[in-house]
Amino acid sequence: MENISIALPKGRMADSAITLFEKAGIAENILKDISRKLVVNDHKNLMKFMLVKPMDVPTYVEHGAADLGISGKDILLEQKKDCYEVLDLKFGFCKMVVAGPKEAKDSFLTNKRVATKFPNIAEEFFRQKGENVEIIKLNGSVELAPIVGLSEVIVDIVETGNTLRENGLIVIEEIFPSSARLIVNKASLKTKSQRIKEIIVKLKEVVETFKEVKND
């Protein structure tokens, strides 16, 4: 049986992903080690889990350093890496939004400035709306940008919206919902086809079962 390597995003999504893998019977006793190591091996199940920054997961998968990865839909749409998206894992729910001060909601600026960590998503969104905007790429807390006058609005991923409210900002428009997705390296899907398909099937069964219980 082939060894399978999986890139996980650091943070809460990694814990949720490991729990999902353990429920599916794909991994065992990983959760206790994953918080203090960058690489954890499950020798019994021939699985290797690696913790990387969320924005780097698609890169590890695209280049074959990982056979599989867990990534948010937001990151996949922003980066458009050359890998397969095969399953919505139904956790890590959040949404990509346009946000700003309350007074920005009813105003239309033909040349407004948009601060964001997701320049490709923002540019495509406003292009489809026919709005001419200046995209300002930031790496830190984008909520600061409209407060200090760097931009009129922001495009960012939000979960609860608490950070927006705490900084006097509101959601002006929702762009799309996001959740955790399972992605696969294209070459691995050919060379390790049987093992990867088995993993996908087992994960899908757990996801569907959880969804049915939640709906009940």
N, C-alpha and C. Protein backbone atom coordinates (compact mmCIF):
# COMPACT_ATOMS: atom_id res chain seq x y z
N MET A 1 0.85 -1.20 0.00
CA MET A 1 0.00 0.00 0.00
C MET A 1 0.88 1.24 0.00
N GLU A 2 0.52 2.22 -0.87
CA GLU A 2 1.35 3.41 -1.01
C GLU A 2 1.24 4.34 0.20
N ASN A 3 2.35 5.04 0.47
CA ASN A 3 2.33 6.10 1.47
C ASN A 3 1.63 7.32 0.87
N ILE A 4 0.82 7.98 1.68
CA ILE A 4 0.10 9.17 1.25
C ILE A 4 0.48 10.34 2.14
N SER A 5 0.87 11.45 1.53
CA SER A 5 1.22 12.65 2.29
C SER A 5 0.12 13.69 2.12
N ILE A 6 -0.19 14.36 3.23
CA ILE A 6 -1.30 15.32 3.24
C ILE A 6 -0.83 16.64 3.86
N ALA A 7 -1.05 17.74 3.14
CA ALA A 7 -0.72 19.08 3.65
C ALA A 7 -1.95 19.66 4.34
N LEU A 8 -1.77 20.05 5.60
CA LEU A 8 -2.85 20.63 6.39
C LEU A 8 -2.55 22.08 6.72
N PRO A 9 -3.56 22.95 6.73
CA PRO A 9 -3.34 24.35 7.10
C PRO A 9 -3.23 24.50 8.61
N LYS A 10 -2.24 25.23 9.07
CA LYS A 10 -2.08 25.45 10.50
C LYS A 10 -3.32 26.14 11.07
N GLY A 11 -3.66 25.79 12.31
CA GLY A 11 -4.80 26.41 12.96
C GLY A 11 -5.95 25.45 13.19
N ARG A 12 -7.13 26.01 13.41
CA ARG A 12 -8.29 25.19 13.74
C ARG A 12 -8.68 24.23 12.63
N MET A 13 -8.44 24.60 11.39
CA MET A 13 -8.81 23.72 10.29
C MET A 13 -8.03 22.43 10.33
N ALA A 14 -6.80 22.47 10.82
CA ALA A 14 -6.00 21.25 10.93
C ALA A 14 -6.63 20.28 11.92
N ASP A 15 -7.08 20.81 13.06
CA ASP A 15 -7.74 19.96 14.06
C ASP A 15 -9.01 19.34 13.50
N SER A 16 -9.81 20.14 12.79
CA SER A 16 -11.04 19.62 12.20
C SER A 16 -10.75 18.57 11.14
N ALA A 17 -9.69 18.80 10.36
CA ALA A 17 -9.32 17.86 9.31
C ALA A 17 -8.87 16.53 9.90
N ILE A 18 -8.02 16.59 10.94
CA ILE A 18 -7.53 15.37 11.59
C ILE A 18 -8.70 14.60 12.20
N THR A 19 -9.61 15.30 12.83
CA THR A 19 -10.78 14.64 13.41
C THR A 19 -11.58 13.92 12.33
N LEU A 20 -11.72 14.57 11.18
CA LEU A 20 -12.43 13.96 10.06
C LEU A 20 -11.71 12.71 9.56
N PHE A 21 -10.39 12.79 9.44
CA PHE A 21 -9.62 11.63 8.98
C PHE A 21 -9.71 10.48 9.98
N GLU A 22 -9.71 10.80 11.26
CA GLU A 22 -9.80 9.75 12.27
C GLU A 22 -11.19 9.12 12.28
N LYS A 23 -12.24 9.91 12.10
CA LYS A 23 -13.59 9.37 12.01
C LYS A 23 -13.75 8.46 10.80
N ALA A 24 -13.02 8.77 9.74
CA ALA A 24 -13.09 7.97 8.52
C ALA A 24 -12.22 6.72 8.61
N GLY A 25 -11.47 6.57 9.71
CA GLY A 25 -10.62 5.41 9.88
C GLY A 25 -9.37 5.44 9.03
N ILE A 26 -8.99 6.65 8.62
CA ILE A 26 -7.83 6.81 7.75
C ILE A 26 -6.57 7.10 8.56
N ALA A 27 -6.74 7.66 9.74
CA ALA A 27 -5.60 8.02 10.59
C ALA A 27 -5.94 7.73 12.05
N GLU A 28 -4.90 7.56 12.87
CA GLU A 28 -5.09 7.28 14.30
C GLU A 28 -4.08 8.05 15.14
N ASN A 29 -4.55 8.58 16.27
CA ASN A 29 -3.68 9.20 17.28
C ASN A 29 -2.78 10.30 16.72
N ILE A 30 -3.32 11.10 15.82
CA ILE A 30 -2.53 12.17 15.22
C ILE A 30 -2.77 13.50 15.91
N LEU A 31 -3.99 13.71 16.39
CA LEU A 31 -4.39 15.01 16.93
C LEU A 31 -3.48 15.47 18.07
N LYS A 32 -3.02 14.53 18.91
CA LYS A 32 -2.19 14.91 20.06
C LYS A 32 -0.80 15.38 19.65
N ASP A 33 -0.35 14.99 18.46
CA ASP A 33 1.00 15.35 18.02
C ASP A 33 1.03 16.52 17.04
N ILE A 34 -0.09 16.76 16.35
CA ILE A 34 -0.07 17.70 15.24
C ILE A 34 0.16 19.14 15.69
N SER A 35 -0.14 19.46 16.96
CA SER A 35 0.01 20.84 17.42
C SER A 35 1.46 21.21 17.74
N ARG A 36 2.34 20.20 17.91
CA ARG A 36 3.72 20.51 18.30
C ARG A 36 4.76 20.05 17.28
N LYS A 37 4.32 19.45 16.18
CA LYS A 37 5.24 19.00 15.15
C LYS A 37 4.80 19.51 13.78
N LEU A 38 5.76 19.70 12.89
CA LEU A 38 5.43 20.11 11.53
C LEU A 38 5.08 18.91 10.65
N VAL A 39 5.65 17.76 10.98
CA VAL A 39 5.36 16.53 10.23
C VAL A 39 5.05 15.41 11.22
N VAL A 40 3.92 14.75 10.99
CA VAL A 40 3.51 13.64 11.86
C VAL A 40 3.23 12.43 10.98
N ASN A 41 3.85 11.31 11.33
CA ASN A 41 3.66 10.09 10.57
C ASN A 41 2.71 9.13 11.29
N ASP A 42 1.78 8.60 10.53
CA ASP A 42 0.91 7.52 11.01
C ASP A 42 1.38 6.26 10.29
N HIS A 43 2.33 5.56 10.91
CA HIS A 43 2.96 4.42 10.24
C HIS A 43 1.97 3.27 10.03
N LYS A 44 1.02 3.13 10.93
CA LYS A 44 0.04 2.05 10.80
C LYS A 44 -0.80 2.21 9.53
N ASN A 45 -1.21 3.43 9.25
CA ASN A 45 -2.07 3.70 8.09
C ASN A 45 -1.29 4.22 6.88
N LEU A 46 0.04 4.27 7.01
CA LEU A 46 0.90 4.77 5.93
C LEU A 46 0.49 6.17 5.47
N MET A 47 0.32 7.06 6.45
CA MET A 47 -0.07 8.44 6.16
C MET A 47 0.96 9.39 6.78
N LYS A 48 1.25 10.46 6.08
CA LYS A 48 2.13 11.50 6.60
C LYS A 48 1.40 12.84 6.51
N PHE A 49 1.28 13.51 7.66
CA PHE A 49 0.61 14.80 7.72
C PHE A 49 1.65 15.90 7.95
N MET A 50 1.56 16.97 7.16
CA MET A 50 2.47 18.10 7.32
C MET A 50 1.67 19.37 7.55
N LEU A 51 2.12 20.18 8.49
CA LEU A 51 1.46 21.45 8.81
C LEU A 51 2.16 22.59 8.08
N VAL A 52 1.40 23.34 7.29
CA VAL A 52 1.97 24.48 6.55
C VAL A 52 1.02 25.67 6.68
N LYS A 53 1.49 26.83 6.29
CA LYS A 53 0.63 28.00 6.29
C LYS A 53 -0.53 27.78 5.32
N PRO A 54 -1.73 28.23 5.69
CA PRO A 54 -2.90 27.98 4.83
C PRO A 54 -2.71 28.39 3.37
N MET A 55 -2.05 29.53 3.14
CA MET A 55 -1.86 30.00 1.77
C MET A 55 -0.88 29.12 0.99
N ASP A 56 -0.11 28.28 1.69
CA ASP A 56 0.89 27.45 1.03
C ASP A 56 0.40 26.04 0.68
N VAL A 57 -0.74 25.64 1.22
CA VAL A 57 -1.23 24.28 0.98
C VAL A 57 -1.34 23.96 -0.50
N PRO A 58 -2.00 24.78 -1.33
CA PRO A 58 -2.12 24.45 -2.76
C PRO A 58 -0.77 24.33 -3.46
N THR A 59 0.23 25.08 -3.01
CA THR A 59 1.56 25.02 -3.62
C THR A 59 2.21 23.67 -3.35
N TYR A 60 2.11 23.18 -2.11
CA TYR A 60 2.66 21.87 -1.77
C TYR A 60 2.00 20.78 -2.60
N VAL A 61 0.70 20.90 -2.79
CA VAL A 61 -0.03 19.88 -3.56
C VAL A 61 0.29 19.99 -5.05
N GLU A 62 0.31 21.19 -5.57
CA GLU A 62 0.58 21.39 -7.00
C GLU A 62 1.94 20.80 -7.39
N HIS A 63 2.93 21.01 -6.55
CA HIS A 63 4.29 20.57 -6.88
C HIS A 63 4.61 19.16 -6.40
N GLY A 64 3.64 18.47 -5.83
CA GLY A 64 3.83 17.06 -5.48
C GLY A 64 4.52 16.81 -4.16
N ALA A 65 4.76 17.86 -3.37
CA ALA A 65 5.33 17.63 -2.03
C ALA A 65 4.29 16.98 -1.13
N ALA A 66 3.02 17.13 -1.50
CA ALA A 66 1.92 16.46 -0.81
C ALA A 66 0.98 15.87 -1.86
N ASP A 67 0.48 14.67 -1.58
CA ASP A 67 -0.47 14.05 -2.50
C ASP A 67 -1.85 14.70 -2.38
N LEU A 68 -2.20 15.01 -1.14
CA LEU A 68 -3.50 15.61 -0.85
C LEU A 68 -3.31 16.87 -0.01
N GLY A 69 -4.33 17.70 0.06
CA GLY A 69 -4.27 18.88 0.90
C GLY A 69 -5.66 19.31 1.29
N ILE A 70 -5.72 20.08 2.38
CA ILE A 70 -6.97 20.68 2.82
C ILE A 70 -6.82 22.19 2.69
N SER A 71 -7.68 22.80 1.89
CA SER A 71 -7.55 24.24 1.66
C SER A 71 -8.93 24.88 1.60
N GLY A 72 -9.00 26.13 2.03
CA GLY A 72 -10.24 26.87 1.92
C GLY A 72 -10.54 27.21 0.47
N LYS A 73 -11.82 27.26 0.14
CA LYS A 73 -12.22 27.60 -1.23
C LYS A 73 -11.72 28.99 -1.61
N ASP A 74 -11.64 29.89 -0.63
CA ASP A 74 -11.16 31.24 -0.90
C ASP A 74 -9.73 31.24 -1.43
N ILE A 75 -8.88 30.42 -0.82
CA ILE A 75 -7.49 30.35 -1.25
C ILE A 75 -7.37 29.71 -2.63
N LEU A 76 -8.18 28.70 -2.89
CA LEU A 76 -8.15 28.04 -4.19
C LEU A 76 -8.57 29.01 -5.30
N LEU A 77 -9.59 29.80 -5.06
CA LEU A 77 -10.04 30.76 -6.07
C LEU A 77 -9.03 31.88 -6.27
N GLU A 78 -8.35 32.26 -5.20
CA GLU A 78 -7.35 33.32 -5.31
C GLU A 78 -6.12 32.86 -6.08
N GLN A 79 -5.67 31.64 -5.81
CA GLN A 79 -4.40 31.18 -6.37
C GLN A 79 -4.52 30.43 -7.70
N LYS A 80 -5.65 29.73 -7.90
CA LYS A 80 -5.87 28.98 -9.14
C LYS A 80 -4.69 28.05 -9.46
N LYS A 81 -4.28 27.26 -8.47
CA LYS A 81 -3.19 26.32 -8.65
C LYS A 81 -3.63 25.13 -9.50
N ASP A 82 -2.66 24.45 -10.08
CA ASP A 82 -2.95 23.35 -10.99
C ASP A 82 -3.08 22.04 -10.22
N CYS A 83 -4.23 21.85 -9.57
CA CYS A 83 -4.53 20.62 -8.85
C CYS A 83 -6.03 20.40 -8.89
N TYR A 84 -6.45 19.21 -8.51
CA TYR A 84 -7.87 18.88 -8.53
C TYR A 84 -8.54 19.19 -7.20
N GLU A 85 -9.70 19.82 -7.25
CA GLU A 85 -10.55 19.99 -6.07
C GLU A 85 -11.60 18.88 -6.13
N VAL A 86 -11.60 17.97 -5.15
CA VAL A 86 -12.42 16.77 -5.28
C VAL A 86 -13.56 16.64 -4.27
N LEU A 87 -13.51 17.40 -3.15
CA LEU A 87 -14.54 17.20 -2.15
C LEU A 87 -14.69 18.42 -1.24
N ASP A 88 -15.95 18.83 -1.05
CA ASP A 88 -16.27 19.85 -0.05
C ASP A 88 -16.39 19.14 1.29
N LEU A 89 -15.53 19.49 2.25
CA LEU A 89 -15.48 18.79 3.52
C LEU A 89 -16.47 19.33 4.56
N LYS A 90 -17.18 20.38 4.23
CA LYS A 90 -18.27 20.89 5.06
C LYS A 90 -17.84 21.36 6.45
N PHE A 91 -16.65 21.91 6.56
CA PHE A 91 -16.26 22.60 7.79
C PHE A 91 -15.43 23.82 7.40
N GLY A 92 -15.08 24.63 8.38
CA GLY A 92 -14.33 25.85 8.07
C GLY A 92 -15.17 26.86 7.30
N PHE A 93 -16.46 26.93 7.64
CA PHE A 93 -17.35 27.83 6.91
C PHE A 93 -17.05 29.29 7.19
N CYS A 94 -17.01 30.08 6.12
CA CYS A 94 -16.84 31.51 6.21
C CYS A 94 -17.32 32.11 4.89
N LYS A 95 -17.14 33.40 4.70
CA LYS A 95 -17.57 33.99 3.44
C LYS A 95 -16.65 35.13 3.05
N MET A 96 -16.49 35.29 1.75
CA MET A 96 -15.72 36.40 1.20
C MET A 96 -16.67 37.57 1.00
N VAL A 97 -16.29 38.73 1.53
CA VAL A 97 -17.21 39.88 1.49
C VAL A 97 -16.50 41.16 1.10
N VAL A 98 -17.31 42.11 0.68
CA VAL A 98 -16.88 43.51 0.59
C VAL A 98 -17.37 44.16 1.87
N ALA A 99 -16.49 44.83 2.58
CA ALA A 99 -16.86 45.47 3.84
C ALA A 99 -16.28 46.88 3.89
N GLY A 100 -16.87 47.69 4.76
CA GLY A 100 -16.39 49.05 4.91
C GLY A 100 -17.22 49.80 5.94
N PRO A 101 -16.98 51.09 6.10
CA PRO A 101 -17.79 51.90 7.02
C PRO A 101 -19.24 51.96 6.55
N LYS A 102 -20.15 52.23 7.45
CA LYS A 102 -21.58 52.26 7.09
C LYS A 102 -21.86 53.24 5.96
N GLU A 103 -21.16 54.37 5.96
CA GLU A 103 -21.42 55.38 4.94
C GLU A 103 -20.99 54.94 3.54
N ALA A 104 -20.16 53.89 3.47
CA ALA A 104 -19.71 53.40 2.16
C ALA A 104 -20.75 52.52 1.48
N LYS A 105 -21.74 52.05 2.24
CA LYS A 105 -22.71 51.11 1.71
C LYS A 105 -23.55 51.71 0.58
N ASP A 106 -23.96 52.95 0.75
CA ASP A 106 -24.85 53.58 -0.22
C ASP A 106 -24.13 54.52 -1.18
N SER A 107 -22.80 54.51 -1.14
CA SER A 107 -22.05 55.40 -2.02
C SER A 107 -21.43 54.61 -3.16
N PHE A 108 -21.34 55.22 -4.32
CA PHE A 108 -20.70 54.58 -5.48
C PHE A 108 -19.55 55.46 -5.92
N LEU A 109 -18.36 54.93 -5.81
CA LEU A 109 -17.17 55.68 -6.22
C LEU A 109 -16.57 55.01 -7.45
N THR A 110 -16.42 55.76 -8.52
CA THR A 110 -15.95 55.15 -9.77
C THR A 110 -14.49 54.71 -9.68
N ASN A 111 -13.74 55.31 -8.79
CA ASN A 111 -12.32 54.95 -8.66
C ASN A 111 -11.98 54.62 -7.21
N LYS A 112 -12.84 53.86 -6.57
CA LYS A 112 -12.60 53.57 -5.16
C LYS A 112 -11.43 52.62 -4.97
N ARG A 113 -10.81 52.73 -3.83
CA ARG A 113 -9.66 51.90 -3.48
C ARG A 113 -10.14 50.73 -2.62
N VAL A 114 -9.61 49.56 -2.94
CA VAL A 114 -10.02 48.33 -2.25
C VAL A 114 -8.79 47.66 -1.67
N ALA A 115 -8.73 47.55 -0.35
CA ALA A 115 -7.61 46.88 0.31
C ALA A 115 -7.98 45.42 0.54
N THR A 116 -7.04 44.51 0.30
CA THR A 116 -7.36 43.09 0.41
C THR A 116 -6.12 42.21 0.42
N LYS A 117 -6.28 41.01 1.00
CA LYS A 117 -5.26 39.96 0.90
C LYS A 117 -5.52 39.09 -0.33
N PHE A 118 -6.64 39.35 -1.00
CA PHE A 118 -7.09 38.52 -2.12
C PHE A 118 -7.27 39.38 -3.38
N PRO A 119 -6.16 39.90 -3.94
CA PRO A 119 -6.27 40.83 -5.07
C PRO A 119 -6.93 40.23 -6.32
N ASN A 120 -6.69 38.96 -6.59
CA ASN A 120 -7.28 38.36 -7.79
C ASN A 120 -8.79 38.23 -7.67
N ILE A 121 -9.25 37.78 -6.50
CA ILE A 121 -10.69 37.68 -6.26
C ILE A 121 -11.34 39.05 -6.32
N ALA A 122 -10.73 40.02 -5.67
CA ALA A 122 -11.30 41.37 -5.64
C ALA A 122 -11.36 41.97 -7.04
N GLU A 123 -10.28 41.84 -7.79
CA GLU A 123 -10.24 42.42 -9.13
C GLU A 123 -11.30 41.80 -10.04
N GLU A 124 -11.45 40.47 -9.97
CA GLU A 124 -12.42 39.79 -10.80
C GLU A 124 -13.85 40.17 -10.40
N PHE A 125 -14.10 40.30 -9.11
CA PHE A 125 -15.43 40.65 -8.62
C PHE A 125 -15.86 42.02 -9.14
N PHE A 126 -15.00 43.01 -8.98
CA PHE A 126 -15.37 44.36 -9.40
C PHE A 126 -15.36 44.50 -10.92
N ARG A 127 -14.52 43.71 -11.59
CA ARG A 127 -14.53 43.73 -13.06
C ARG A 127 -15.88 43.26 -13.59
N GLN A 128 -16.40 42.17 -12.98
CA GLN A 128 -17.70 41.67 -13.42
C GLN A 128 -18.83 42.65 -13.12
N LYS A 129 -18.65 43.47 -12.10
CA LYS A 129 -19.65 44.49 -11.78
C LYS A 129 -19.49 45.74 -12.65
N GLY A 130 -18.42 45.79 -13.41
CA GLY A 130 -18.17 46.94 -14.26
C GLY A 130 -17.69 48.16 -13.51
N GLU A 131 -17.09 47.93 -12.32
CA GLU A 131 -16.59 49.03 -11.51
C GLU A 131 -15.08 49.15 -11.64
N ASN A 132 -14.62 50.36 -11.81
CA ASN A 132 -13.19 50.63 -11.91
C ASN A 132 -12.65 50.90 -10.51
N VAL A 133 -11.76 50.02 -10.02
CA VAL A 133 -11.23 50.18 -8.67
C VAL A 133 -9.71 50.06 -8.68
N GLU A 134 -9.11 50.57 -7.63
CA GLU A 134 -7.68 50.39 -7.41
C GLU A 134 -7.50 49.35 -6.31
N ILE A 135 -6.83 48.25 -6.63
CA ILE A 135 -6.61 47.17 -5.67
C ILE A 135 -5.32 47.43 -4.91
N ILE A 136 -5.41 47.44 -3.59
CA ILE A 136 -4.23 47.62 -2.73
C ILE A 136 -3.99 46.31 -1.98
N LYS A 137 -2.89 45.64 -2.28
CA LYS A 137 -2.59 44.34 -1.66
C LYS A 137 -1.97 44.55 -0.29
N LEU A 138 -2.58 43.92 0.71
CA LEU A 138 -2.06 43.95 2.07
C LEU A 138 -1.84 42.54 2.58
N ASN A 139 -0.96 42.38 3.54
CA ASN A 139 -0.71 41.08 4.14
C ASN A 139 -1.20 40.99 5.58
N GLY A 140 -1.44 42.14 6.19
CA GLY A 140 -1.86 42.15 7.58
C GLY A 140 -3.35 42.39 7.74
N SER A 141 -3.74 43.02 8.83
CA SER A 141 -5.15 43.27 9.14
C SER A 141 -5.72 44.31 8.19
N VAL A 142 -6.52 43.86 7.24
CA VAL A 142 -7.06 44.79 6.24
C VAL A 142 -8.13 45.71 6.82
N GLU A 143 -8.69 45.35 7.98
CA GLU A 143 -9.73 46.20 8.59
C GLU A 143 -9.23 47.61 8.89
N LEU A 144 -7.90 47.74 9.05
CA LEU A 144 -7.33 49.04 9.37
C LEU A 144 -7.40 50.01 8.18
N ALA A 145 -7.39 49.48 6.98
CA ALA A 145 -7.26 50.31 5.78
C ALA A 145 -8.33 51.40 5.65
N PRO A 146 -9.62 51.07 5.74
CA PRO A 146 -10.61 52.15 5.62
C PRO A 146 -10.66 53.07 6.84
N ILE A 147 -10.20 52.58 7.98
CA ILE A 147 -10.21 53.40 9.20
C ILE A 147 -9.22 54.55 9.08
N VAL A 148 -8.06 54.29 8.46
CA VAL A 148 -7.01 55.32 8.35
C VAL A 148 -7.00 56.00 6.98
N GLY A 149 -7.95 55.64 6.11
CA GLY A 149 -8.04 56.30 4.82
C GLY A 149 -7.21 55.70 3.71
N LEU A 150 -6.66 54.50 3.92
CA LEU A 150 -5.90 53.86 2.86
C LEU A 150 -6.83 53.38 1.74
N SER A 151 -8.03 52.98 2.11
CA SER A 151 -9.00 52.52 1.12
C SER A 151 -10.41 52.90 1.56
N GLU A 152 -11.34 52.84 0.61
CA GLU A 152 -12.74 53.09 0.96
C GLU A 152 -13.40 51.81 1.51
N VAL A 153 -13.05 50.68 0.91
CA VAL A 153 -13.63 49.39 1.33
C VAL A 153 -12.53 48.34 1.35
N ILE A 154 -12.89 47.14 1.86
CA ILE A 154 -11.98 46.01 1.85
C ILE A 154 -12.69 44.79 1.27
N VAL A 155 -11.91 43.85 0.79
CA VAL A 155 -12.42 42.52 0.44
C VAL A 155 -11.68 41.54 1.32
N ASP A 156 -12.43 40.78 2.12
CA ASP A 156 -11.77 39.90 3.07
C ASP A 156 -12.67 38.71 3.38
N ILE A 157 -12.06 37.70 3.99
CA ILE A 157 -12.80 36.52 4.42
C ILE A 157 -13.22 36.72 5.87
N VAL A 158 -14.49 36.46 6.17
CA VAL A 158 -14.99 36.64 7.53
C VAL A 158 -15.73 35.38 7.98
N GLU A 159 -15.68 35.13 9.28
CA GLU A 159 -16.38 33.98 9.85
C GLU A 159 -17.58 34.45 10.66
N THR A 160 -17.35 35.20 11.70
CA THR A 160 -18.44 35.69 12.54
C THR A 160 -18.77 37.15 12.28
N GLY A 161 -17.83 37.90 11.75
CA GLY A 161 -18.03 39.33 11.53
C GLY A 161 -17.71 40.17 12.75
N ASN A 162 -17.26 39.54 13.83
CA ASN A 162 -16.97 40.27 15.06
C ASN A 162 -15.87 41.31 14.88
N THR A 163 -14.81 40.92 14.16
CA THR A 163 -13.70 41.85 13.96
C THR A 163 -14.15 43.08 13.18
N LEU A 164 -15.01 42.87 12.20
CA LEU A 164 -15.55 44.01 11.44
C LEU A 164 -16.32 44.95 12.36
N ARG A 165 -17.22 44.38 13.14
CA ARG A 165 -18.05 45.20 14.02
C ARG A 165 -17.21 45.95 15.06
N GLU A 166 -16.20 45.28 15.59
CA GLU A 166 -15.34 45.91 16.59
C GLU A 166 -14.58 47.11 16.03
N ASN A 167 -14.43 47.13 14.70
CA ASN A 167 -13.70 48.23 14.06
C ASN A 167 -14.64 49.16 13.30
N GLY A 168 -15.94 49.07 13.59
CA GLY A 168 -16.91 49.99 13.00
C GLY A 168 -17.19 49.74 11.54
N LEU A 169 -16.97 48.50 11.07
CA LEU A 169 -17.21 48.17 9.67
C LEU A 169 -18.41 47.23 9.55
N ILE A 170 -19.04 47.23 8.38
CA ILE A 170 -20.16 46.34 8.12
C ILE A 170 -19.95 45.61 6.80
N VAL A 171 -20.64 44.49 6.63
CA VAL A 171 -20.61 43.78 5.36
C VAL A 171 -21.48 44.53 4.37
N ILE A 172 -20.91 44.93 3.27
CA ILE A 172 -21.64 45.65 2.23
C ILE A 172 -22.21 44.68 1.21
N GLU A 173 -21.43 43.67 0.88
CA GLU A 173 -21.87 42.70 -0.12
C GLU A 173 -21.13 41.38 0.07
N GLU A 174 -21.85 40.27 -0.07
CA GLU A 174 -21.21 38.96 -0.01
C GLU A 174 -20.80 38.53 -1.41
N ILE A 175 -19.55 38.06 -1.53
CA ILE A 175 -19.04 37.63 -2.83
C ILE A 175 -19.29 36.14 -3.05
N PHE A 176 -18.89 35.30 -2.08
CA PHE A 176 -19.18 33.87 -2.15
C PHE A 176 -18.94 33.23 -0.79
N PRO A 177 -19.62 32.10 -0.52
CA PRO A 177 -19.34 31.35 0.70
C PRO A 177 -18.11 30.47 0.50
N SER A 178 -17.43 30.14 1.58
CA SER A 178 -16.23 29.32 1.49
C SER A 178 -16.26 28.23 2.56
N SER A 179 -15.60 27.12 2.26
CA SER A 179 -15.46 26.03 3.24
C SER A 179 -14.20 25.25 2.88
N ALA A 180 -13.84 24.30 3.72
CA ALA A 180 -12.63 23.50 3.49
C ALA A 180 -12.85 22.52 2.34
N ARG A 181 -11.87 22.40 1.47
CA ARG A 181 -11.95 21.49 0.33
C ARG A 181 -10.75 20.53 0.32
N LEU A 182 -10.99 19.32 -0.14
CA LEU A 182 -9.92 18.35 -0.33
C LEU A 182 -9.38 18.51 -1.74
N ILE A 183 -8.07 18.72 -1.86
CA ILE A 183 -7.45 18.86 -3.18
C ILE A 183 -6.41 17.76 -3.38
N VAL A 184 -6.17 17.43 -4.66
CA VAL A 184 -5.31 16.30 -5.00
C VAL A 184 -4.29 16.71 -6.06
N ASN A 185 -3.07 16.26 -5.89
CA ASN A 185 -2.04 16.43 -6.91
C ASN A 185 -2.40 15.61 -8.13
N LYS A 186 -2.29 16.19 -9.32
CA LYS A 186 -2.72 15.52 -10.54
C LYS A 186 -1.94 14.24 -10.83
N ALA A 187 -0.63 14.28 -10.62
CA ALA A 187 0.19 13.09 -10.86
C ALA A 187 -0.12 11.99 -9.85
N SER A 188 -0.33 12.39 -8.60
CA SER A 188 -0.63 11.42 -7.55
C SER A 188 -1.93 10.68 -7.82
N LEU A 189 -2.89 11.39 -8.40
CA LEU A 189 -4.18 10.76 -8.69
C LEU A 189 -4.03 9.65 -9.73
N LYS A 190 -2.97 9.73 -10.52
CA LYS A 190 -2.70 8.67 -11.51
C LYS A 190 -1.84 7.56 -10.90
N THR A 191 -0.79 7.94 -10.20
CA THR A 191 0.16 6.94 -9.70
C THR A 191 -0.32 6.24 -8.42
N LYS A 192 -1.18 6.93 -7.66
CA LYS A 192 -1.71 6.35 -6.42
C LYS A 192 -3.23 6.34 -6.45
N SER A 193 -3.75 6.06 -7.61
CA SER A 193 -5.18 6.19 -7.87
C SER A 193 -6.07 5.42 -6.90
N GLN A 194 -5.79 4.14 -6.70
CA GLN A 194 -6.65 3.32 -5.87
C GLN A 194 -6.69 3.82 -4.42
N ARG A 195 -5.52 4.10 -3.87
CA ARG A 195 -5.45 4.54 -2.47
C ARG A 195 -6.15 5.89 -2.29
N ILE A 196 -5.91 6.82 -3.20
CA ILE A 196 -6.51 8.15 -3.08
C ILE A 196 -8.02 8.08 -3.24
N LYS A 197 -8.49 7.27 -4.17
CA LYS A 197 -9.94 7.14 -4.36
C LYS A 197 -10.60 6.52 -3.12
N GLU A 198 -9.92 5.59 -2.48
CA GLU A 198 -10.44 4.99 -1.25
C GLU A 198 -10.57 6.05 -0.15
N ILE A 199 -9.57 6.91 -0.05
CA ILE A 199 -9.60 7.98 0.94
C ILE A 199 -10.75 8.94 0.67
N ILE A 200 -10.92 9.30 -0.59
CA ILE A 200 -12.01 10.21 -0.96
C ILE A 200 -13.37 9.61 -0.60
N VAL A 201 -13.55 8.33 -0.90
CA VAL A 201 -14.82 7.66 -0.61
C VAL A 201 -15.10 7.64 0.88
N LYS A 202 -14.09 7.30 1.68
CA LYS A 202 -14.27 7.24 3.14
C LYS A 202 -14.57 8.61 3.72
N LEU A 203 -13.88 9.63 3.25
CA LEU A 203 -14.13 10.98 3.74
C LEU A 203 -15.54 11.44 3.34
N LYS A 204 -15.93 11.13 2.13
CA LYS A 204 -17.26 11.52 1.65
C LYS A 204 -18.36 10.88 2.49
N GLU A 205 -18.15 9.64 2.89
CA GLU A 205 -19.14 8.94 3.72
C GLU A 205 -19.31 9.64 5.07
N VAL A 206 -18.19 10.04 5.67
CA VAL A 206 -18.26 10.73 6.96
C VAL A 206 -18.91 12.11 6.80
N VAL A 207 -18.54 12.83 5.75
CA VAL A 207 -19.11 14.16 5.50
C VAL A 207 -20.61 14.06 5.29
N GLU A 208 -21.06 13.09 4.51
CA GLU A 208 -22.49 12.93 4.24
C GLU A 208 -23.24 12.51 5.49
N THR A 209 -22.65 11.65 6.30
CA THR A 209 -23.29 11.22 7.54
C THR A 209 -23.45 12.40 8.49
N PHE A 210 -22.39 13.20 8.60
CA PHE A 210 -22.44 14.36 9.49
C PHE A 210 -23.49 15.35 9.01
N LYS A 211 -23.61 15.52 7.68
CA LYS A 211 -24.57 16.45 7.14
C LYS A 211 -25.99 15.99 7.42
N GLU A 212 -26.23 14.68 7.31
CA GLU A 212 -27.55 14.14 7.57
C GLU A 212 -27.94 14.31 9.04
N VAL A 213 -26.99 14.06 9.94
CA VAL A 213 -27.25 14.23 11.36
C VAL A 213 -27.54 15.68 11.68
N LYS A 214 -26.76 16.60 11.07
CA LYS A 214 -26.93 18.02 11.31
C LYS A 214 -28.29 18.50 10.79
N ASN A 215 -28.72 17.95 9.62
CA ASN A 215 -30.00 18.35 9.05
C ASN A 215 -31.17 17.85 9.90
N ASP A 216 -30.99 16.68 10.54
CA ASP A 216 -32.05 16.13 11.40
C ASP A 216 -32.24 17.01 12.63
